[in-house]
Amino acid sequence: MSTPDNLKYTKDHEWVRIDGEIAIIGITDHAQNELGDITYVELPAVGKKVEANGELAVIESVKAASDILAPIAGTVSEVNNALDDEPEEVNDSPYENGWICKLTDIDASEVDGLMSAADYEAFIK
């Protein structure tokens, strides 16, 4: 399993990458591995305002349905519509093609409270 150093992580197994004024959100390689084959992703509505740790999306697999929580607060500005037809991208490429959504109106300082890759790896052991 991989844990890229350029991301921040939550205890609920989401990741966030800050790209300027945008936060890109997804679930970790560990999470997708635990869930098994992803069969459906209920994406949030563009324009939805979310609070940190609030429900962002729902992901379903052959094993379970799980809430995806927002690592930081913001407004959904874009969703990964490719997941409608290919939810397995979350399994195949959790950090690249399998991202869930992008947030704007973020406070990048909220990211400072999240785990580094090393902290996350220690957490999941």
N, C-alpha and C. Protein backbone atom coordinates (compact mmCIF):
# COMPACT_ATOMS: atom_id res chain seq x y z
N MET A 1 0.83 -1.18 0.00
CA MET A 1 0.00 0.00 0.00
C MET A 1 0.88 1.25 0.00
N SER A 2 0.37 2.28 -0.63
CA SER A 2 1.16 3.49 -0.70
C SER A 2 0.50 4.60 0.14
N THR A 3 1.35 5.50 0.61
CA THR A 3 0.93 6.65 1.39
C THR A 3 1.77 7.84 0.93
N PRO A 4 1.33 8.55 -0.10
CA PRO A 4 2.13 9.65 -0.63
C PRO A 4 2.43 10.73 0.42
N ASP A 5 3.67 11.22 0.39
CA ASP A 5 4.13 12.23 1.35
C ASP A 5 3.49 13.60 1.13
N ASN A 6 2.99 13.86 -0.07
CA ASN A 6 2.47 15.20 -0.37
C ASN A 6 1.01 15.39 0.03
N LEU A 7 0.44 14.41 0.73
CA LEU A 7 -0.96 14.48 1.16
C LEU A 7 -1.03 14.55 2.68
N LYS A 8 -2.20 14.95 3.18
CA LYS A 8 -2.50 14.89 4.61
C LYS A 8 -3.64 13.90 4.79
N TYR A 9 -3.73 13.29 5.97
CA TYR A 9 -4.63 12.16 6.20
C TYR A 9 -5.46 12.35 7.46
N THR A 10 -6.64 11.69 7.47
CA THR A 10 -7.50 11.71 8.65
C THR A 10 -7.54 10.32 9.28
N LYS A 11 -8.02 10.26 10.51
CA LYS A 11 -8.20 8.98 11.18
C LYS A 11 -9.33 8.19 10.57
N ASP A 12 -10.16 8.84 9.76
CA ASP A 12 -11.26 8.16 9.07
C ASP A 12 -10.85 7.70 7.67
N HIS A 13 -9.56 7.82 7.35
CA HIS A 13 -8.96 7.28 6.13
C HIS A 13 -9.28 8.09 4.87
N GLU A 14 -9.49 9.39 5.04
CA GLU A 14 -9.56 10.28 3.87
C GLU A 14 -8.21 10.96 3.70
N TRP A 15 -7.95 11.41 2.50
CA TRP A 15 -6.75 12.21 2.24
C TRP A 15 -7.16 13.53 1.63
N VAL A 16 -6.27 14.51 1.75
CA VAL A 16 -6.50 15.83 1.15
C VAL A 16 -5.18 16.33 0.57
N ARG A 17 -5.29 16.90 -0.62
CA ARG A 17 -4.14 17.54 -1.28
C ARG A 17 -4.55 18.98 -1.56
N ILE A 18 -3.75 19.92 -1.09
CA ILE A 18 -4.02 21.33 -1.34
C ILE A 18 -3.29 21.73 -2.62
N ASP A 19 -4.05 22.32 -3.54
CA ASP A 19 -3.51 22.79 -4.81
C ASP A 19 -3.94 24.25 -4.96
N GLY A 20 -3.13 25.16 -4.43
CA GLY A 20 -3.48 26.57 -4.44
C GLY A 20 -4.65 26.83 -3.51
N GLU A 21 -5.79 27.25 -4.07
CA GLU A 21 -6.99 27.57 -3.29
C GLU A 21 -7.99 26.40 -3.27
N ILE A 22 -7.55 25.25 -3.77
CA ILE A 22 -8.43 24.09 -3.92
C ILE A 22 -7.92 22.92 -3.08
N ALA A 23 -8.85 22.21 -2.43
CA ALA A 23 -8.52 20.98 -1.71
C ALA A 23 -9.12 19.81 -2.49
N ILE A 24 -8.31 18.84 -2.82
CA ILE A 24 -8.76 17.64 -3.52
C ILE A 24 -8.87 16.54 -2.46
N ILE A 25 -10.00 15.82 -2.47
CA ILE A 25 -10.32 14.86 -1.42
C ILE A 25 -10.50 13.46 -2.01
N GLY A 26 -10.04 12.45 -1.27
CA GLY A 26 -10.28 11.07 -1.65
C GLY A 26 -10.14 10.16 -0.45
N ILE A 27 -10.19 8.86 -0.69
CA ILE A 27 -9.95 7.90 0.40
C ILE A 27 -8.60 7.23 0.17
N THR A 28 -8.02 6.76 1.24
CA THR A 28 -6.67 6.22 1.18
C THR A 28 -6.62 4.83 0.54
N ASP A 29 -5.43 4.46 0.16
CA ASP A 29 -5.19 3.12 -0.37
C ASP A 29 -5.59 2.08 0.68
N HIS A 30 -5.26 2.35 1.93
CA HIS A 30 -5.64 1.43 3.02
C HIS A 30 -7.16 1.27 3.08
N ALA A 31 -7.89 2.39 2.98
CA ALA A 31 -9.36 2.34 3.07
C ALA A 31 -9.95 1.54 1.92
N GLN A 32 -9.50 1.80 0.70
CA GLN A 32 -10.08 1.08 -0.44
C GLN A 32 -9.76 -0.41 -0.33
N ASN A 33 -8.59 -0.74 0.20
CA ASN A 33 -8.20 -2.14 0.36
C ASN A 33 -9.10 -2.83 1.40
N GLU A 34 -9.40 -2.13 2.48
CA GLU A 34 -10.28 -2.68 3.52
C GLU A 34 -11.72 -2.84 3.02
N LEU A 35 -12.17 -1.89 2.19
CA LEU A 35 -13.55 -1.95 1.68
C LEU A 35 -13.74 -3.06 0.65
N GLY A 36 -12.71 -3.38 -0.09
CA GLY A 36 -12.84 -4.35 -1.17
C GLY A 36 -13.30 -3.66 -2.44
N ASP A 37 -13.88 -4.41 -3.35
CA ASP A 37 -14.27 -3.86 -4.65
C ASP A 37 -15.34 -2.79 -4.50
N ILE A 38 -15.01 -1.56 -4.92
CA ILE A 38 -15.94 -0.45 -4.86
C ILE A 38 -16.97 -0.61 -5.98
N THR A 39 -18.24 -0.52 -5.61
CA THR A 39 -19.31 -0.72 -6.59
C THR A 39 -20.09 0.56 -6.91
N TYR A 40 -20.01 1.57 -6.01
CA TYR A 40 -20.79 2.79 -6.22
C TYR A 40 -20.22 3.89 -5.34
N VAL A 41 -20.20 5.11 -5.89
CA VAL A 41 -19.82 6.28 -5.12
C VAL A 41 -20.94 7.32 -5.27
N GLU A 42 -21.55 7.68 -4.15
CA GLU A 42 -22.56 8.75 -4.14
C GLU A 42 -21.82 10.07 -3.94
N LEU A 43 -21.65 10.79 -5.03
CA LEU A 43 -20.88 12.03 -5.01
C LEU A 43 -21.71 13.17 -4.40
N PRO A 44 -21.05 14.13 -3.78
CA PRO A 44 -21.79 15.27 -3.23
C PRO A 44 -22.25 16.20 -4.35
N ALA A 45 -23.21 17.05 -4.05
CA ALA A 45 -23.68 18.03 -5.03
C ALA A 45 -22.69 19.18 -5.11
N VAL A 46 -22.42 19.63 -6.33
CA VAL A 46 -21.59 20.82 -6.50
C VAL A 46 -22.33 21.98 -5.84
N GLY A 47 -21.60 22.76 -5.07
CA GLY A 47 -22.18 23.87 -4.33
C GLY A 47 -22.49 23.54 -2.88
N LYS A 48 -22.44 22.25 -2.52
CA LYS A 48 -22.70 21.84 -1.14
C LYS A 48 -21.61 22.38 -0.23
N LYS A 49 -22.02 22.99 0.87
CA LYS A 49 -21.07 23.45 1.88
C LYS A 49 -20.92 22.36 2.92
N VAL A 50 -19.67 22.04 3.26
CA VAL A 50 -19.40 20.99 4.23
C VAL A 50 -18.53 21.53 5.36
N GLU A 51 -18.76 20.98 6.53
CA GLU A 51 -17.93 21.29 7.69
C GLU A 51 -16.88 20.20 7.83
N ALA A 52 -15.79 20.51 8.49
CA ALA A 52 -14.78 19.49 8.78
C ALA A 52 -15.44 18.36 9.57
N ASN A 53 -15.19 17.14 9.17
CA ASN A 53 -15.75 15.92 9.76
C ASN A 53 -17.22 15.72 9.47
N GLY A 54 -17.79 16.54 8.59
CA GLY A 54 -19.18 16.35 8.18
C GLY A 54 -19.26 15.41 7.00
N GLU A 55 -20.44 14.82 6.79
CA GLU A 55 -20.60 13.88 5.69
C GLU A 55 -20.41 14.58 4.35
N LEU A 56 -19.57 13.97 3.53
CA LEU A 56 -19.25 14.53 2.22
C LEU A 56 -19.84 13.66 1.11
N ALA A 57 -19.69 12.36 1.22
CA ALA A 57 -20.13 11.42 0.19
C ALA A 57 -20.35 10.06 0.84
N VAL A 58 -20.82 9.11 0.03
CA VAL A 58 -21.00 7.73 0.49
C VAL A 58 -20.34 6.83 -0.54
N ILE A 59 -19.65 5.83 -0.03
CA ILE A 59 -18.99 4.87 -0.92
C ILE A 59 -19.49 3.48 -0.57
N GLU A 60 -19.82 2.70 -1.59
CA GLU A 60 -20.32 1.35 -1.37
C GLU A 60 -19.38 0.35 -2.02
N SER A 61 -19.21 -0.76 -1.32
CA SER A 61 -18.37 -1.84 -1.84
C SER A 61 -19.09 -3.16 -1.67
N VAL A 62 -18.45 -4.23 -2.09
CA VAL A 62 -19.04 -5.55 -1.91
C VAL A 62 -19.15 -5.90 -0.43
N LYS A 63 -18.40 -5.22 0.44
CA LYS A 63 -18.40 -5.51 1.87
C LYS A 63 -19.30 -4.59 2.69
N ALA A 64 -19.36 -3.29 2.32
CA ALA A 64 -20.04 -2.33 3.19
C ALA A 64 -20.31 -1.02 2.47
N ALA A 65 -21.14 -0.20 3.09
CA ALA A 65 -21.32 1.19 2.67
C ALA A 65 -20.72 2.05 3.76
N SER A 66 -19.97 3.08 3.37
CA SER A 66 -19.29 3.92 4.34
C SER A 66 -19.44 5.38 3.97
N ASP A 67 -19.56 6.22 5.00
CA ASP A 67 -19.54 7.65 4.77
C ASP A 67 -18.11 8.12 4.52
N ILE A 68 -17.98 9.06 3.62
CA ILE A 68 -16.72 9.76 3.44
C ILE A 68 -16.90 11.11 4.11
N LEU A 69 -16.03 11.43 5.05
CA LEU A 69 -16.13 12.67 5.79
C LEU A 69 -15.18 13.72 5.23
N ALA A 70 -15.58 14.96 5.31
CA ALA A 70 -14.74 16.05 4.82
C ALA A 70 -13.58 16.27 5.78
N PRO A 71 -12.35 16.19 5.31
CA PRO A 71 -11.20 16.44 6.19
C PRO A 71 -11.14 17.89 6.67
N ILE A 72 -11.62 18.81 5.83
CA ILE A 72 -11.66 20.23 6.16
C ILE A 72 -12.97 20.82 5.64
N ALA A 73 -13.30 22.00 6.10
CA ALA A 73 -14.52 22.67 5.65
C ALA A 73 -14.30 23.32 4.29
N GLY A 74 -15.38 23.46 3.53
CA GLY A 74 -15.30 24.13 2.24
C GLY A 74 -16.58 23.95 1.46
N THR A 75 -16.53 24.34 0.20
CA THR A 75 -17.66 24.23 -0.71
C THR A 75 -17.26 23.32 -1.86
N VAL A 76 -18.09 22.34 -2.15
CA VAL A 76 -17.80 21.41 -3.25
C VAL A 76 -17.84 22.20 -4.56
N SER A 77 -16.72 22.22 -5.26
CA SER A 77 -16.63 22.96 -6.52
C SER A 77 -16.60 22.05 -7.74
N GLU A 78 -16.24 20.79 -7.52
CA GLU A 78 -16.16 19.84 -8.63
C GLU A 78 -16.23 18.43 -8.05
N VAL A 79 -16.86 17.53 -8.79
CA VAL A 79 -16.88 16.11 -8.39
C VAL A 79 -16.29 15.29 -9.53
N ASN A 80 -15.83 14.10 -9.19
CA ASN A 80 -15.22 13.21 -10.16
C ASN A 80 -16.31 12.36 -10.81
N ASN A 81 -16.97 12.93 -11.83
CA ASN A 81 -18.09 12.24 -12.49
C ASN A 81 -17.68 10.92 -13.15
N ALA A 82 -16.40 10.73 -13.41
CA ALA A 82 -15.95 9.46 -13.99
C ALA A 82 -16.29 8.29 -13.07
N LEU A 83 -16.42 8.55 -11.77
CA LEU A 83 -16.73 7.48 -10.82
C LEU A 83 -18.15 6.95 -10.97
N ASP A 84 -19.03 7.72 -11.64
CA ASP A 84 -20.38 7.22 -11.91
C ASP A 84 -20.34 5.95 -12.75
N ASP A 85 -19.47 5.94 -13.74
CA ASP A 85 -19.35 4.78 -14.64
C ASP A 85 -18.24 3.82 -14.23
N GLU A 86 -17.25 4.34 -13.51
CA GLU A 86 -16.09 3.52 -13.15
C GLU A 86 -15.72 3.70 -11.68
N PRO A 87 -16.60 3.27 -10.75
CA PRO A 87 -16.28 3.43 -9.33
C PRO A 87 -15.03 2.67 -8.92
N GLU A 88 -14.66 1.67 -9.70
CA GLU A 88 -13.46 0.87 -9.39
C GLU A 88 -12.18 1.69 -9.48
N GLU A 89 -12.25 2.90 -10.06
CA GLU A 89 -11.07 3.77 -10.09
C GLU A 89 -10.58 4.09 -8.68
N VAL A 90 -11.50 4.08 -7.71
CA VAL A 90 -11.10 4.31 -6.32
C VAL A 90 -10.17 3.18 -5.87
N ASN A 91 -10.44 1.95 -6.32
CA ASN A 91 -9.56 0.82 -6.00
C ASN A 91 -8.25 0.90 -6.79
N ASP A 92 -8.38 1.18 -8.07
CA ASP A 92 -7.22 1.12 -8.96
C ASP A 92 -6.26 2.29 -8.78
N SER A 93 -6.78 3.45 -8.43
CA SER A 93 -5.97 4.66 -8.40
C SER A 93 -6.51 5.64 -7.35
N PRO A 94 -6.43 5.27 -6.05
CA PRO A 94 -7.07 6.10 -5.03
C PRO A 94 -6.53 7.52 -4.92
N TYR A 95 -5.28 7.74 -5.31
CA TYR A 95 -4.68 9.06 -5.15
C TYR A 95 -4.64 9.88 -6.44
N GLU A 96 -4.98 9.28 -7.55
CA GLU A 96 -4.93 10.00 -8.83
C GLU A 96 -6.32 10.03 -9.46
N ASN A 97 -6.70 8.99 -10.19
CA ASN A 97 -7.97 8.97 -10.91
C ASN A 97 -9.18 8.73 -10.01
N GLY A 98 -8.96 8.23 -8.80
CA GLY A 98 -10.06 7.89 -7.90
C GLY A 98 -10.43 8.96 -6.89
N TRP A 99 -10.00 10.19 -7.12
CA TRP A 99 -10.39 11.28 -6.19
C TRP A 99 -11.90 11.45 -6.19
N ILE A 100 -12.44 11.98 -5.10
CA ILE A 100 -13.89 12.10 -4.93
C ILE A 100 -14.39 13.49 -5.37
N CYS A 101 -13.81 14.53 -4.79
CA CYS A 101 -14.28 15.89 -5.10
C CYS A 101 -13.21 16.91 -4.80
N LYS A 102 -13.51 18.14 -5.21
CA LYS A 102 -12.64 19.28 -4.91
C LYS A 102 -13.45 20.30 -4.13
N LEU A 103 -12.78 20.94 -3.16
CA LEU A 103 -13.41 21.97 -2.35
C LEU A 103 -12.73 23.31 -2.59
N THR A 104 -13.53 24.38 -2.58
CA THR A 104 -13.03 25.74 -2.57
C THR A 104 -13.53 26.41 -1.29
N ASP A 105 -13.23 27.68 -1.12
CA ASP A 105 -13.60 28.40 0.11
C ASP A 105 -13.05 27.67 1.34
N ILE A 106 -11.79 27.25 1.23
CA ILE A 106 -11.17 26.47 2.29
C ILE A 106 -10.29 27.36 3.16
N ASP A 107 -10.03 26.89 4.36
CA ASP A 107 -9.05 27.49 5.25
C ASP A 107 -7.89 26.50 5.29
N ALA A 108 -6.86 26.77 4.50
CA ALA A 108 -5.75 25.82 4.37
C ALA A 108 -5.08 25.52 5.71
N SER A 109 -5.24 26.40 6.70
CA SER A 109 -4.64 26.14 8.01
C SER A 109 -5.28 24.93 8.70
N GLU A 110 -6.50 24.57 8.30
CA GLU A 110 -7.14 23.38 8.87
C GLU A 110 -6.34 22.11 8.56
N VAL A 111 -5.62 22.14 7.47
CA VAL A 111 -4.83 20.98 7.05
C VAL A 111 -3.72 20.69 8.06
N ASP A 112 -3.26 21.73 8.74
CA ASP A 112 -2.17 21.55 9.71
C ASP A 112 -2.53 20.57 10.82
N GLY A 113 -3.81 20.41 11.11
CA GLY A 113 -4.23 19.49 12.16
C GLY A 113 -4.36 18.04 11.71
N LEU A 114 -4.13 17.79 10.42
CA LEU A 114 -4.25 16.42 9.89
C LEU A 114 -2.91 15.69 9.98
N MET A 115 -2.95 14.39 9.77
CA MET A 115 -1.75 13.57 9.89
C MET A 115 -0.88 13.63 8.64
N SER A 116 0.43 13.56 8.87
CA SER A 116 1.38 13.40 7.78
C SER A 116 1.34 11.94 7.32
N ALA A 117 2.01 11.64 6.22
CA ALA A 117 2.06 10.27 5.72
C ALA A 117 2.66 9.34 6.78
N ALA A 118 3.74 9.76 7.43
CA ALA A 118 4.38 8.93 8.46
C ALA A 118 3.43 8.70 9.64
N ASP A 119 2.73 9.75 10.05
CA ASP A 119 1.77 9.62 11.16
C ASP A 119 0.64 8.66 10.78
N TYR A 120 0.16 8.78 9.54
CA TYR A 120 -0.94 7.91 9.09
C TYR A 120 -0.48 6.46 9.04
N GLU A 121 0.71 6.22 8.52
CA GLU A 121 1.23 4.84 8.45
C GLU A 121 1.34 4.24 9.85
N ALA A 122 1.80 5.04 10.81
CA ALA A 122 1.88 4.55 12.20
C ALA A 122 0.49 4.27 12.74
N PHE A 123 -0.47 5.10 12.40
CA PHE A 123 -1.85 4.96 12.87
C PHE A 123 -2.48 3.66 12.37
N ILE A 124 -2.25 3.28 11.13
CA ILE A 124 -2.91 2.10 10.58
C ILE A 124 -2.21 0.78 10.91
N LYS A 125 -1.06 0.85 11.54
CA LYS A 125 -0.36 -0.39 11.89
C LYS A 125 -0.99 -1.07 13.08
